[in-house]
Amino acid sequence: MFHPLPEELRDIAGQPFPLYPCSNESWSIKPTAGRSSSRVMICSIPKAGTHLYARLLGLLGLVQSDVFFNKDYLGDFRFVDVERARFTHSENILWIPIEISSRFIQPGQFGYGHLPCDIGTRHCLADFKIVFLSREMRAAIVSQMRYVGDSDWCPPERAEITWRNEPDGPDKMLKYFDEIAPFIFNDRCHPVAPWADQENVLGLSYEQIIGDQGREVQLETIRRIVEFCEIERPPQPELILNQLIGQQTFTLSSGRTSWEACWNAEIEARFTALGGTRLNERFGFGS
């Protein structure tokens, strides 16, 4: 089967981004479709269980794109194993904007990313089922700091982080707040947060699926996803849950994050100044 890219998509011609032709003359990021007629996108703040929920959607029968979507670029991890993916970020970045990349998610497939809730992105995702993920912000920001130490990730325009291998604790956390936290809050949290207020968006939290609120909440979370994403013939939630928790994912850190061990009064003041308490209140975690 062969058909050319539409004129408006030809800017990506020549980039190392394989696509699969579909019978309706569109193009797909994966050659197969899953058990839904919907296109799905996970929009999340960092370290809110993005890859955990992605694994859940895959277990429920949707096809994971293995592409991480941002507004102006994407990370293509379709052909990279989980362990290697942590240390090959820059090698897998392609400057393909969401206006183009969103077209390659077909019904029965899903993508994920820290996509802003702005007019342009909402337009691109108008016919998607949006799942928005949040997490208590102190735990999320400490987990993101730990992930920086366990990978080669750097914020834009930064080539090196000298404190990656230092022991976790308040001293390392202060360096994180000096160099990285402003980018995470201002570019990856505040612009994403308004998804929490949108109609027809399924809002979920890391705490719900990881088990902090009990097993019945975990099972009900799975049922809500099945209904919202219109998944056909889903497996039993109990069977899915038993396969889900504790498995290796792209950004899983070693052990559950304990934010208190990395916190002090100065860090709390910086957290508040960057809007952390406001985000917690918006997501329903209190201040």
C-alpha atoms as a PDB file:
ATOM      1  CA  MET A   1       0.000   0.000   0.000  1.00  0.00           C
ATOM      2  CA  PHE A   2       1.341   3.446  -0.894  1.00  0.00           C
ATOM      3  CA  HIS A   3       0.026   6.948  -0.655  1.00  0.00           C
ATOM      4  CA  PRO A   4       1.933  10.226  -0.377  1.00  0.00           C
ATOM      5  CA  LEU A   5       1.983  12.504   2.637  1.00  0.00           C
ATOM      6  CA  PRO A   6      -0.508  15.351   2.319  1.00  0.00           C
ATOM      7  CA  GLU A   7       1.079  18.660   1.384  1.00  0.00           C
ATOM      8  CA  GLU A   8       0.688  20.078   4.894  1.00  0.00           C
ATOM      9  CA  LEU A   9       2.672  17.176   6.389  1.00  0.00           C
ATOM     10  CA  ARG A  10       5.597  17.146   4.015  1.00  0.00           C
ATOM     11  CA  ASP A  11       7.810  19.204   6.318  1.00  0.00           C
ATOM     12  CA  ILE A  12       8.654  15.962   8.121  1.00  0.00           C
ATOM     13  CA  ALA A  13       9.736  14.158   4.948  1.00  0.00           C
ATOM     14  CA  GLY A  14      13.301  12.913   5.343  1.00  0.00           C
ATOM     15  CA  GLN A  15      13.202  12.781   9.142  1.00  0.00           C
ATOM     16  CA  PRO A  16      13.916   9.364  10.737  1.00  0.00           C
ATOM     17  CA  PHE A  17      10.317   8.889  11.821  1.00  0.00           C
ATOM     18  CA  PRO A  18       8.772   5.742  10.303  1.00  0.00           C
ATOM     19  CA  LEU A  19       5.023   5.795   9.676  1.00  0.00           C
ATOM     20  CA  TYR A  20       2.595   3.076   8.649  1.00  0.00           C
ATOM     21  CA  PRO A  21      -0.008   3.580   5.878  1.00  0.00           C
ATOM     22  CA  CYS A  22      -3.658   3.041   6.754  1.00  0.00           C
ATOM     23  CA  SER A  23      -6.482   1.864   4.527  1.00  0.00           C
ATOM     24  CA  ASN A  24      -8.221   5.261   4.875  1.00  0.00           C
ATOM     25  CA  GLU A  25      -5.158   6.959   3.321  1.00  0.00           C
ATOM     26  CA  SER A  26      -3.960   8.366   6.630  1.00  0.00           C
ATOM     27  CA  TRP A  27      -0.718   7.472   8.389  1.00  0.00           C
ATOM     28  CA  SER A  28      -0.170   5.763  11.724  1.00  0.00           C
ATOM     29  CA  ILE A  29       2.518   5.765  14.369  1.00  0.00           C
ATOM     30  CA  LYS A  30       1.971   2.021  14.908  1.00  0.00           C
ATOM     31  CA  PRO A  31       0.811  -0.668  12.464  1.00  0.00           C
ATOM     32  CA  THR A  32      -1.961  -1.987  14.713  1.00  0.00           C
ATOM     33  CA  ALA A  33      -5.036  -0.607  16.489  1.00  0.00           C
ATOM     34  CA  GLY A  34      -6.578  -1.511  19.801  1.00  0.00           C
ATOM     35  CA  ARG A  35     -10.013  -2.181  21.255  1.00  0.00           C
ATOM     36  CA  SER A  36     -11.532   1.281  20.983  1.00  0.00           C
ATOM     37  CA  SER A  37     -12.856   3.619  18.327  1.00  0.00           C
ATOM     38  CA  SER A  38     -11.315   6.563  20.216  1.00  0.00           C
ATOM     39  CA  ARG A  39      -7.973   8.292  19.974  1.00  0.00           C
ATOM     40  CA  VAL A  40      -6.541   8.874  23.464  1.00  0.00           C
ATOM     41  CA  MET A  41      -3.910  11.250  24.841  1.00  0.00           C
ATOM     42  CA  ILE A  42      -2.490  11.279  28.363  1.00  0.00           C
ATOM     43  CA  CYS A  43      -1.638  14.845  29.400  1.00  0.00           C
ATOM     44  CA  SER A  44       0.250  14.971  32.687  1.00  0.00           C
ATOM     45  CA  ILE A  45       2.483  16.941  34.964  1.00  0.00           C
ATOM     46  CA  PRO A  46       5.942  15.311  35.305  1.00  0.00           C
ATOM     47  CA  LYS A  47       6.149  12.241  37.532  1.00  0.00           C
ATOM     48  CA  ALA A  48       2.391  11.851  37.899  1.00  0.00           C
ATOM     49  CA  GLY A  49       2.435   8.242  36.767  1.00  0.00           C
ATOM     50  CA  THR A  50       2.476   8.970  33.034  1.00  0.00           C
ATOM     51  CA  HIS A  51       4.172   5.716  32.075  1.00  0.00           C
ATOM     52  CA  LEU A  52       2.307   3.731  34.718  1.00  0.00           C
ATOM     53  CA  TYR A  53      -1.024   4.820  33.272  1.00  0.00           C
ATOM     54  CA  ALA A  54       0.345   4.194  29.779  1.00  0.00           C
ATOM     55  CA  ARG A  55       1.131   0.635  30.798  1.00  0.00           C
ATOM     56  CA  LEU A  56      -2.417   0.374  32.166  1.00  0.00           C
ATOM     57  CA  LEU A  57      -3.966   1.541  28.889  1.00  0.00           C
ATOM     58  CA  GLY A  58      -1.841  -1.006  27.047  1.00  0.00           C
ATOM     59  CA  LEU A  59      -2.987  -3.807  29.331  1.00  0.00           C
ATOM     60  CA  LEU A  60      -6.573  -2.737  28.728  1.00  0.00           C
ATOM     61  CA  GLY A  61      -6.172  -3.199  25.000  1.00  0.00           C
ATOM     62  CA  LEU A  62      -5.141   0.150  23.542  1.00  0.00           C
ATOM     63  CA  VAL A  63      -1.974   0.386  21.418  1.00  0.00           C
ATOM     64  CA  GLN A  64       0.751   2.513  22.992  1.00  0.00           C
ATOM     65  CA  SER A  65       2.486   4.863  20.578  1.00  0.00           C
ATOM     66  CA  ASP A  66       5.809   4.794  22.505  1.00  0.00           C
ATOM     67  CA  VAL A  67       6.112   8.427  21.435  1.00  0.00           C
ATOM     68  CA  PHE A  68       6.279  11.207  24.009  1.00  0.00           C
ATOM     69  CA  PHE A  69       4.507  14.295  22.712  1.00  0.00           C
ATOM     70  CA  ASN A  70       5.415  17.896  23.451  1.00  0.00           C
ATOM     71  CA  LYS A  71       4.001  21.000  21.815  1.00  0.00           C
ATOM     72  CA  ASP A  72       6.957  21.645  19.493  1.00  0.00           C
ATOM     73  CA  TYR A  73       8.736  18.287  19.363  1.00  0.00           C
ATOM     74  CA  LEU A  74       8.406  14.632  20.235  1.00  0.00           C
ATOM     75  CA  GLY A  75      10.523  11.851  21.690  1.00  0.00           C
ATOM     76  CA  ASP A  76      10.361   8.716  19.571  1.00  0.00           C
ATOM     77  CA  PHE A  77      11.062   5.696  21.784  1.00  0.00           C
ATOM     78  CA  ARG A  78       9.379   3.064  19.603  1.00  0.00           C
ATOM     79  CA  PHE A  79      12.656   1.326  18.807  1.00  0.00           C
ATOM     80  CA  VAL A  80      14.528   1.845  22.114  1.00  0.00           C
ATOM     81  CA  ASP A  81      14.296  -0.526  25.089  1.00  0.00           C
ATOM     82  CA  VAL A  82      13.228   0.835  28.477  1.00  0.00           C
ATOM     83  CA  GLU A  83      16.634   0.675  30.133  1.00  0.00           C
ATOM     84  CA  ARG A  84      18.402   2.398  27.251  1.00  0.00           C
ATOM     85  CA  ALA A  85      15.707   5.043  26.860  1.00  0.00           C
ATOM     86  CA  ARG A  86      16.773   6.801  30.069  1.00  0.00           C
ATOM     87  CA  PHE A  87      20.145   7.630  28.554  1.00  0.00           C
ATOM     88  CA  THR A  88      19.267   8.438  24.940  1.00  0.00           C
ATOM     89  CA  HIS A  89      16.899  11.399  25.258  1.00  0.00           C
ATOM     90  CA  SER A  90      18.670  13.716  22.849  1.00  0.00           C
ATOM     91  CA  GLU A  91      19.117  10.963  20.251  1.00  0.00           C
ATOM     92  CA  ASN A  92      15.367  10.421  20.065  1.00  0.00           C
ATOM     93  CA  ILE A  93      14.112  14.013  19.832  1.00  0.00           C
ATOM     94  CA  LEU A  94      12.506  15.130  16.564  1.00  0.00           C
ATOM     95  CA  TRP A  95      11.178  18.631  15.916  1.00  0.00           C
ATOM     96  CA  ILE A  96       7.703  17.660  14.810  1.00  0.00           C
ATOM     97  CA  PRO A  97       4.978  19.876  16.348  1.00  0.00           C
ATOM     98  CA  ILE A  98       1.777  18.579  17.863  1.00  0.00           C
ATOM     99  CA  GLU A  99      -0.194  20.030  14.930  1.00  0.00           C
ATOM    100  CA  ILE A 100       1.398  17.340  12.768  1.00  0.00           C
ATOM    101  CA  SER A 101       2.286  14.545  15.205  1.00  0.00           C
ATOM    102  CA  SER A 102      -1.235  14.274  16.658  1.00  0.00           C
ATOM    103  CA  ARG A 103      -2.525  13.184  13.241  1.00  0.00           C
ATOM    104  CA  PHE A 104      -0.570   9.936  13.464  1.00  0.00           C
ATOM    105  CA  ILE A 105      -2.465   8.606  16.499  1.00  0.00           C
ATOM    106  CA  GLN A 106      -5.265   6.461  15.106  1.00  0.00           C
ATOM    107  CA  PRO A 107      -8.438   5.122  16.797  1.00  0.00           C
ATOM    108  CA  GLY A 108      -7.494   2.459  19.310  1.00  0.00           C
ATOM    109  CA  GLN A 109      -4.070   4.040  19.935  1.00  0.00           C
ATOM    110  CA  PHE A 110      -2.812   6.525  22.514  1.00  0.00           C
ATOM    111  CA  GLY A 111       0.029   8.935  23.112  1.00  0.00           C
ATOM    112  CA  TYR A 112       1.278  10.767  26.169  1.00  0.00           C
ATOM    113  CA  GLY A 113       3.126  13.910  27.139  1.00  0.00           C
ATOM    114  CA  HIS A 114       3.276  17.081  29.215  1.00  0.00           C
ATOM    115  CA  LEU A 115       1.132  18.978  26.740  1.00  0.00           C
ATOM    116  CA  PRO A 116      -0.018  22.497  27.607  1.00  0.00           C
ATOM    117  CA  CYS A 117      -3.722  23.216  27.791  1.00  0.00           C
ATOM    118  CA  ASP A 118      -3.598  26.129  25.347  1.00  0.00           C
ATOM    119  CA  ILE A 119      -5.926  26.921  22.460  1.00  0.00           C
ATOM    120  CA  GLY A 120      -3.658  25.410  19.799  1.00  0.00           C
ATOM    121  CA  THR A 121      -3.137  22.121  21.615  1.00  0.00           C
ATOM    122  CA  ARG A 122      -6.811  21.806  22.515  1.00  0.00           C
ATOM    123  CA  HIS A 123      -7.644  22.293  18.842  1.00  0.00           C
ATOM    124  CA  CYS A 124      -5.209  19.544  17.813  1.00  0.00           C
ATOM    125  CA  LEU A 125      -6.689  17.169  20.382  1.00  0.00           C
ATOM    126  CA  ALA A 126     -10.331  18.155  19.881  1.00  0.00           C
ATOM    127  CA  ASP A 127     -11.423  14.631  18.945  1.00  0.00           C
ATOM    128  CA  PHE A 128      -9.179  12.846  21.463  1.00  0.00           C
ATOM    129  CA  LYS A 129     -10.169  11.399  24.801  1.00  0.00           C
ATOM    130  CA  ILE A 130      -7.938  13.350  27.210  1.00  0.00           C
ATOM    131  CA  VAL A 131      -6.751  11.725  30.448  1.00  0.00           C
ATOM    132  CA  PHE A 132      -5.158  14.305  32.756  1.00  0.00           C
ATOM    133  CA  LEU A 133      -2.789  13.077  35.494  1.00  0.00           C
ATOM    134  CA  SER A 134      -1.728  14.919  38.637  1.00  0.00           C
ATOM    135  CA  ARG A 135       0.190  14.119  41.813  1.00  0.00           C
ATOM    136  CA  GLU A 136       0.881  15.742  45.171  1.00  0.00           C
ATOM    137  CA  MET A 137       3.422  18.310  44.034  1.00  0.00           C
ATOM    138  CA  ARG A 138       6.112  17.860  46.678  1.00  0.00           C
ATOM    139  CA  ALA A 139       6.307  14.156  45.918  1.00  0.00           C
ATOM    140  CA  ALA A 140       6.226  14.864  42.173  1.00  0.00           C
ATOM    141  CA  ILE A 141       9.041  17.396  42.264  1.00  0.00           C
ATOM    142  CA  VAL A 142      11.298  15.208  44.446  1.00  0.00           C
ATOM    143  CA  SER A 143      10.612  12.258  42.159  1.00  0.00           C
ATOM    144  CA  GLN A 144      11.567  14.396  39.150  1.00  0.00           C
ATOM    145  CA  MET A 145      14.826  15.362  40.889  1.00  0.00           C
ATOM    146  CA  ARG A 146      15.577  11.685  41.476  1.00  0.00           C
ATOM    147  CA  TYR A 147      14.835  10.923  37.831  1.00  0.00           C
ATOM    148  CA  VAL A 148      17.337  13.579  36.753  1.00  0.00           C
ATOM    149  CA  GLY A 149      19.926  11.717  38.810  1.00  0.00           C
ATOM    150  CA  ASP A 150      19.022   8.377  37.226  1.00  0.00           C
ATOM    151  CA  SER A 151      19.071   9.468  33.564  1.00  0.00           C
ATOM    152  CA  ASP A 152      20.722  11.794  31.070  1.00  0.00           C
ATOM    153  CA  TRP A 153      17.759  14.180  30.968  1.00  0.00           C
ATOM    154  CA  CYS A 154      18.530  17.896  30.851  1.00  0.00           C
ATOM    155  CA  PRO A 155      16.220  20.884  30.435  1.00  0.00           C
ATOM    156  CA  PRO A 156      16.502  22.761  27.131  1.00  0.00           C
ATOM    157  CA  GLU A 157      19.695  24.765  26.580  1.00  0.00           C
ATOM    158  CA  ARG A 158      21.522  22.901  29.323  1.00  0.00           C
ATOM    159  CA  ALA A 159      24.172  20.316  28.488  1.00  0.00           C
ATOM    160  CA  GLU A 160      25.405  19.145  31.882  1.00  0.00           C
ATOM    161  CA  ILE A 161      24.194  18.624  35.434  1.00  0.00           C
ATOM    162  CA  THR A 162      27.136  18.288  37.796  1.00  0.00           C
ATOM    163  CA  TRP A 163      25.239  17.087  40.870  1.00  0.00           C
ATOM    164  CA  ARG A 164      23.411  14.078  39.347  1.00  0.00           C
ATOM    165  CA  ASN A 165      25.291  11.488  41.391  1.00  0.00           C
ATOM    166  CA  GLU A 166      25.206  13.290  44.728  1.00  0.00           C
ATOM    167  CA  PRO A 167      23.159  11.585  47.481  1.00  0.00           C
ATOM    168  CA  ASP A 168      19.494  12.551  47.658  1.00  0.00           C
ATOM    169  CA  GLY A 169      18.728  15.096  50.335  1.00  0.00           C
ATOM    170  CA  PRO A 170      18.077  18.801  50.964  1.00  0.00           C
ATOM    171  CA  ASP A 171      21.465  19.924  49.574  1.00  0.00           C
ATOM    172  CA  LYS A 172      20.821  18.199  46.258  1.00  0.00           C
ATOM    173  CA  MET A 173      17.242  19.456  46.272  1.00  0.00           C
ATOM    174  CA  LEU A 174      18.409  23.062  46.622  1.00  0.00           C
ATOM    175  CA  LYS A 175      20.675  22.644  43.589  1.00  0.00           C
ATOM    176  CA  TYR A 176      17.692  21.216  41.728  1.00  0.00           C
ATOM    177  CA  PHE A 177      15.634  24.278  42.673  1.00  0.00           C
ATOM    178  CA  ASP A 178      18.485  26.536  41.541  1.00  0.00           C
ATOM    179  CA  GLU A 179      18.865  24.967  38.099  1.00  0.00           C
ATOM    180  CA  ILE A 180      15.826  22.915  37.071  1.00  0.00           C
ATOM    181  CA  ALA A 181      12.704  23.471  39.190  1.00  0.00           C
ATOM    182  CA  PRO A 182      11.786  26.827  37.560  1.00  0.00           C
ATOM    183  CA  PHE A 183      11.666  25.125  34.152  1.00  0.00           C
ATOM    184  CA  ILE A 184       9.594  22.210  35.478  1.00  0.00           C
ATOM    185  CA  PHE A 185       7.058  24.478  37.182  1.00  0.00           C
ATOM    186  CA  ASN A 186       6.829  27.165  34.496  1.00  0.00           C
ATOM    187  CA  ASP A 187       7.016  24.956  31.382  1.00  0.00           C
ATOM    188  CA  ARG A 188       5.776  21.525  32.464  1.00  0.00           C
ATOM    189  CA  CYS A 189       3.299  22.114  35.315  1.00  0.00           C
ATOM    190  CA  HIS A 190       1.515  25.464  35.191  1.00  0.00           C
ATOM    191  CA  PRO A 191       0.755  25.288  31.420  1.00  0.00           C
ATOM    192  CA  VAL A 192      -0.542  21.703  31.807  1.00  0.00           C
ATOM    193  CA  ALA A 193      -2.626  22.317  34.947  1.00  0.00           C
ATOM    194  CA  PRO A 194      -5.703  23.840  33.222  1.00  0.00           C
ATOM    195  CA  TRP A 195      -6.592  20.398  31.825  1.00  0.00           C
ATOM    196  CA  ALA A 196      -7.883  19.780  35.359  1.00  0.00           C
ATOM    197  CA  ASP A 197     -10.645  22.343  34.745  1.00  0.00           C
ATOM    198  CA  GLN A 198     -11.724  21.265  31.258  1.00  0.00           C
ATOM    199  CA  GLU A 199     -15.005  19.547  30.550  1.00  0.00           C
ATOM    200  CA  ASN A 200     -14.886  16.069  29.031  1.00  0.00           C
ATOM    201  CA  VAL A 201     -11.419  15.400  30.475  1.00  0.00           C
ATOM    202  CA  LEU A 202     -10.853  12.446  32.812  1.00  0.00           C
ATOM    203  CA  GLY A 203      -8.791  13.662  35.759  1.00  0.00           C
ATOM    204  CA  LEU A 204      -6.864  11.030  37.705  1.00  0.00           C
ATOM    205  CA  SER A 205      -3.962  11.007  40.130  1.00  0.00           C
ATOM    206  CA  TYR A 206      -0.859   8.936  40.736  1.00  0.00           C
ATOM    207  CA  GLU A 207      -2.083   8.253  44.267  1.00  0.00           C
ATOM    208  CA  GLN A 208      -5.306   6.649  42.995  1.00  0.00           C
ATOM    209  CA  ILE A 209      -3.627   4.014  40.852  1.00  0.00           C
ATOM    210  CA  ILE A 210      -0.571   3.311  43.007  1.00  0.00           C
ATOM    211  CA  GLY A 211      -2.794   2.206  45.906  1.00  0.00           C
ATOM    212  CA  ASP A 212      -2.554   5.045  48.445  1.00  0.00           C
ATOM    213  CA  GLN A 213      -6.367   5.193  48.608  1.00  0.00           C
ATOM    214  CA  GLY A 214      -6.918   1.458  48.719  1.00  0.00           C
ATOM    215  CA  ARG A 215      -7.481  -1.371  46.283  1.00  0.00           C
ATOM    216  CA  GLU A 216     -11.114  -0.541  45.559  1.00  0.00           C
ATOM    217  CA  VAL A 217     -10.091   2.951  44.377  1.00  0.00           C
ATOM    218  CA  GLN A 218      -7.513   1.338  42.112  1.00  0.00           C
ATOM    219  CA  LEU A 219     -10.146  -0.956  40.619  1.00  0.00           C
ATOM    220  CA  GLU A 220     -12.638   1.891  40.228  1.00  0.00           C
ATOM    221  CA  THR A 221      -9.935   3.956  38.473  1.00  0.00           C
ATOM    222  CA  ILE A 222      -9.486   1.159  35.953  1.00  0.00           C
ATOM    223  CA  ARG A 223     -13.252   0.962  35.403  1.00  0.00           C
ATOM    224  CA  ARG A 224     -13.453   4.722  34.852  1.00  0.00           C
ATOM    225  CA  ILE A 225     -10.720   4.551  32.206  1.00  0.00           C
ATOM    226  CA  VAL A 226     -12.480   1.690  30.417  1.00  0.00           C
ATOM    227  CA  GLU A 227     -15.740   3.643  30.278  1.00  0.00           C
ATOM    228  CA  PHE A 228     -14.169   6.984  29.363  1.00  0.00           C
ATOM    229  CA  CYS A 229     -11.950   5.578  26.600  1.00  0.00           C
ATOM    230  CA  GLU A 230     -14.759   3.353  25.308  1.00  0.00           C
ATOM    231  CA  ILE A 231     -12.602   0.234  25.464  1.00  0.00           C
ATOM    232  CA  GLU A 232     -14.322  -2.846  24.089  1.00  0.00           C
ATOM    233  CA  ARG A 233     -14.084  -6.262  25.755  1.00  0.00           C
ATOM    234  CA  PRO A 234     -11.678  -5.133  28.503  1.00  0.00           C
ATOM    235  CA  PRO A 235     -10.050  -7.696  30.796  1.00  0.00           C
ATOM    236  CA  GLN A 236     -11.258  -7.858  34.381  1.00  0.00           C
ATOM    237  CA  PRO A 237      -9.869  -4.959  36.500  1.00  0.00           C
ATOM    238  CA  GLU A 238      -8.568  -7.405  39.128  1.00  0.00           C
ATOM    239  CA  LEU A 239      -6.447  -9.220  36.534  1.00  0.00           C
ATOM    240  CA  ILE A 240      -5.098  -5.947  35.150  1.00  0.00           C
ATOM    241  CA  LEU A 241      -4.181  -4.560  38.566  1.00  0.00           C
ATOM    242  CA  ASN A 242      -2.187  -7.656  39.445  1.00  0.00           C
ATOM    243  CA  GLN A 243      -0.046  -7.138  36.315  1.00  0.00           C
ATOM    244  CA  LEU A 244       0.367  -3.399  36.696  1.00  0.00           C
ATOM    245  CA  ILE A 245       2.056  -2.275  39.881  1.00  0.00           C
ATOM    246  CA  GLY A 246       5.820  -2.630  40.326  1.00  0.00           C
ATOM    247  CA  GLN A 247       6.733  -3.257  36.698  1.00  0.00           C
ATOM    248  CA  GLN A 248       9.626  -1.374  35.126  1.00  0.00           C
ATOM    249  CA  THR A 249       8.617   1.691  33.115  1.00  0.00           C
ATOM    250  CA  PHE A 250      10.580   4.352  31.258  1.00  0.00           C
ATOM    251  CA  THR A 251      10.822   6.792  34.193  1.00  0.00           C
ATOM    252  CA  LEU A 252      10.406   4.499  37.215  1.00  0.00           C
ATOM    253  CA  SER A 253      12.833   5.433  40.011  1.00  0.00           C
ATOM    254  CA  SER A 254      14.245   2.910  42.442  1.00  0.00           C
ATOM    255  CA  GLY A 255      11.717   2.777  45.260  1.00  0.00           C
ATOM    256  CA  ARG A 256       8.793   5.019  46.225  1.00  0.00           C
ATOM    257  CA  THR A 257       9.600   8.706  46.610  1.00  0.00           C
ATOM    258  CA  SER A 258       9.737  10.033  50.187  1.00  0.00           C
ATOM    259  CA  TRP A 259       9.767  13.774  49.712  1.00  0.00           C
ATOM    260  CA  GLU A 260      10.183  14.592  53.417  1.00  0.00           C
ATOM    261  CA  ALA A 261      13.791  13.346  53.439  1.00  0.00           C
ATOM    262  CA  CYS A 262      14.688  15.936  50.767  1.00  0.00           C
ATOM    263  CA  TRP A 263      12.802  18.866  52.262  1.00  0.00           C
ATOM    264  CA  ASN A 264      13.450  21.782  54.629  1.00  0.00           C
ATOM    265  CA  ALA A 265      12.078  25.269  55.280  1.00  0.00           C
ATOM    266  CA  GLU A 266      14.126  26.938  52.524  1.00  0.00           C
ATOM    267  CA  ILE A 267      12.950  24.389  49.960  1.00  0.00           C
ATOM    268  CA  GLU A 268       9.355  24.862  51.113  1.00  0.00           C
ATOM    269  CA  ALA A 269       9.689  28.618  50.567  1.00  0.00           C
ATOM    270  CA  ARG A 270      11.009  28.079  47.031  1.00  0.00           C
ATOM    271  CA  PHE A 271       8.300  25.520  46.339  1.00  0.00           C
ATOM    272  CA  THR A 272       5.632  28.019  47.392  1.00  0.00           C
ATOM    273  CA  ALA A 273       7.206  30.856  45.385  1.00  0.00           C
ATOM    274  CA  LEU A 274       7.092  28.726  42.237  1.00  0.00           C
ATOM    275  CA  GLY A 275       3.408  27.987  42.768  1.00  0.00           C
ATOM    276  CA  GLY A 276       3.608  24.493  44.219  1.00  0.00           C
ATOM    277  CA  THR A 277       0.983  25.074  46.900  1.00  0.00           C
ATOM    278  CA  ARG A 278      -1.377  26.636  44.354  1.00  0.00           C
ATOM    279  CA  LEU A 279      -1.019  23.607  42.115  1.00  0.00           C
ATOM    280  CA  ASN A 280      -1.694  21.263  45.029  1.00  0.00           C
ATOM    281  CA  GLU A 281      -4.876  23.150  45.843  1.00  0.00           C
ATOM    282  CA  ARG A 282      -5.954  23.091  42.212  1.00  0.00           C
ATOM    283  CA  PHE A 283      -5.455  19.325  42.042  1.00  0.00           C
ATOM    284  CA  GLY A 284      -7.332  18.698  45.287  1.00  0.00           C
ATOM    285  CA  PHE A 285      -4.387  17.857  47.562  1.00  0.00           C
ATOM    286  CA  GLY A 286      -4.711  20.857  49.894  1.00  0.00           C
ATOM    287  CA  SER A 287      -1.749  23.193  50.253  1.00  0.00           C
END
